[in-house]
Amino acid sequence: MSDLRKPRISILYCSQCNWMLRAAWLAQELLNTFGQDLGEVALQPGTGGIMEIRLDDELIFSRKEAGRFPESKELKQLVRDRIDPDRPLGHSDRK
């Protein structure tokens, strides 16, 4: 990644539904995979069954729209495709 500002990921999760651990696990997966290529991964508590993941200001996953939670592999691919499309993800690239 260049010297430009590094991307920020935010995970907005429903605290009423006790989804903090799921959100934290997804954040950990992203940090383990992308490490220093990310500027920040933020957890934001919300309500109403929300689980939304944004890369900077772009919504890249919505539980409401998808009707399900994101898979770790899927989320890594969504982030990779936006910040470093040529980056191999090892087993996360396999079908």
Protein backbone atom coordinates (compact mmCIF):
# COMPACT_ATOMS: atom_id res chain seq x y z
CA MET A 1 0.00 0.00 0.00
CA SER A 2 1.28 3.48 -0.82
CA ASP A 3 1.86 6.34 1.56
CA LEU A 4 -1.70 7.57 1.03
CA ARG A 5 -4.15 7.45 3.90
CA LYS A 6 -4.87 3.84 4.82
CA PRO A 7 -8.46 2.58 4.62
CA ARG A 8 -10.77 2.53 7.63
CA ILE A 9 -13.20 -0.29 8.22
CA SER A 10 -16.18 0.15 10.51
CA ILE A 11 -18.38 -2.66 11.74
CA LEU A 12 -21.76 -1.44 13.00
CA TYR A 13 -23.36 -4.22 15.04
CA CYS A 14 -26.51 -4.66 17.13
CA SER A 15 -25.65 -4.50 20.81
CA GLN A 16 -29.23 -5.51 21.71
CA CYS A 17 -28.69 -8.78 19.84
CA ASN A 18 -25.33 -9.38 21.56
CA TRP A 19 -23.43 -9.40 18.27
CA MET A 20 -20.32 -7.70 19.68
CA LEU A 21 -18.31 -10.94 19.75
CA ARG A 22 -19.22 -11.69 16.13
CA ALA A 23 -18.20 -8.14 15.14
CA ALA A 24 -14.94 -8.42 17.11
CA TRP A 25 -14.15 -11.77 15.47
CA LEU A 26 -14.66 -10.26 12.01
CA ALA A 27 -12.42 -7.32 12.99
CA GLN A 28 -9.75 -9.76 14.17
CA GLU A 29 -9.95 -11.71 10.91
CA LEU A 30 -9.49 -8.51 8.89
CA LEU A 31 -6.59 -7.32 11.04
CA ASN A 32 -4.88 -10.72 10.83
CA THR A 33 -5.21 -10.72 7.05
CA PHE A 34 -4.52 -7.09 6.17
CA GLY A 35 -2.49 -5.92 9.17
CA GLN A 36 -0.57 -2.76 8.38
CA ASP A 37 -2.55 -2.12 5.18
CA LEU A 38 -5.51 -0.91 7.24
CA GLY A 39 -5.52 2.35 9.13
CA GLU A 40 -8.26 1.31 11.52
CA VAL A 41 -10.95 -1.27 12.21
CA ALA A 42 -13.66 0.22 14.40
CA LEU A 43 -16.53 -1.46 16.21
CA GLN A 44 -19.66 0.65 16.52
CA PRO A 45 -22.59 -0.47 18.68
CA GLY A 46 -26.05 0.00 17.19
CA THR A 47 -29.56 -1.34 17.61
CA GLY A 48 -32.35 -2.92 15.62
CA GLY A 49 -30.58 -6.03 14.34
CA ILE A 50 -27.99 -4.07 12.38
CA MET A 51 -24.74 -5.50 11.04
CA GLU A 52 -23.15 -3.26 8.45
CA ILE A 53 -19.56 -3.17 7.32
CA ARG A 54 -18.10 -0.12 5.61
CA LEU A 55 -14.77 0.50 3.97
CA ASP A 56 -14.26 4.21 4.42
CA ASP A 57 -17.72 5.51 3.45
CA GLU A 58 -18.69 2.62 1.16
CA LEU A 59 -21.14 0.03 2.49
CA ILE A 60 -19.61 -3.31 1.49
CA PHE A 61 -21.89 -5.64 3.46
CA SER A 62 -25.31 -5.33 5.06
CA ARG A 63 -26.95 -8.17 6.98
CA LYS A 64 -30.34 -6.66 6.15
CA GLU A 65 -29.66 -6.60 2.40
CA ALA A 66 -28.00 -10.04 2.31
CA GLY A 67 -30.40 -11.70 4.75
CA ARG A 68 -27.45 -13.25 6.60
CA PHE A 69 -24.15 -12.53 8.28
CA PRO A 70 -20.96 -12.23 6.22
CA GLU A 71 -18.60 -15.16 6.03
CA SER A 72 -15.00 -14.33 6.97
CA LYS A 73 -13.76 -15.46 3.54
CA GLU A 74 -16.34 -13.32 1.77
CA LEU A 75 -15.52 -10.24 3.83
CA LYS A 76 -11.79 -10.63 3.20
CA GLN A 77 -12.46 -10.87 -0.54
CA LEU A 78 -14.66 -7.75 -0.47
CA VAL A 79 -11.96 -5.76 1.32
CA ARG A 80 -9.12 -7.14 -0.83
CA ASP A 81 -10.98 -6.35 -4.06
CA ARG A 82 -11.13 -2.70 -3.01
CA ILE A 83 -7.74 -2.08 -1.40
CA ASP A 84 -5.38 -4.49 -3.22
CA PRO A 85 -7.09 -6.49 -6.02
CA ASP A 86 -3.92 -8.39 -6.95
CA ARG A 87 -3.29 -9.63 -3.40
CA PRO A 88 -3.57 -13.40 -2.97
CA LEU A 89 -5.64 -14.55 0.00
CA GLY A 90 -4.41 -18.15 0.10
CA HIS A 91 -7.14 -20.53 1.24
CA SER A 92 -9.68 -17.67 1.29
CA ASP A 93 -9.45 -17.51 -2.51
CA ARG A 94 -10.43 -21.14 -2.99
CA LYS A 95 -14.01 -22.02 -3.84
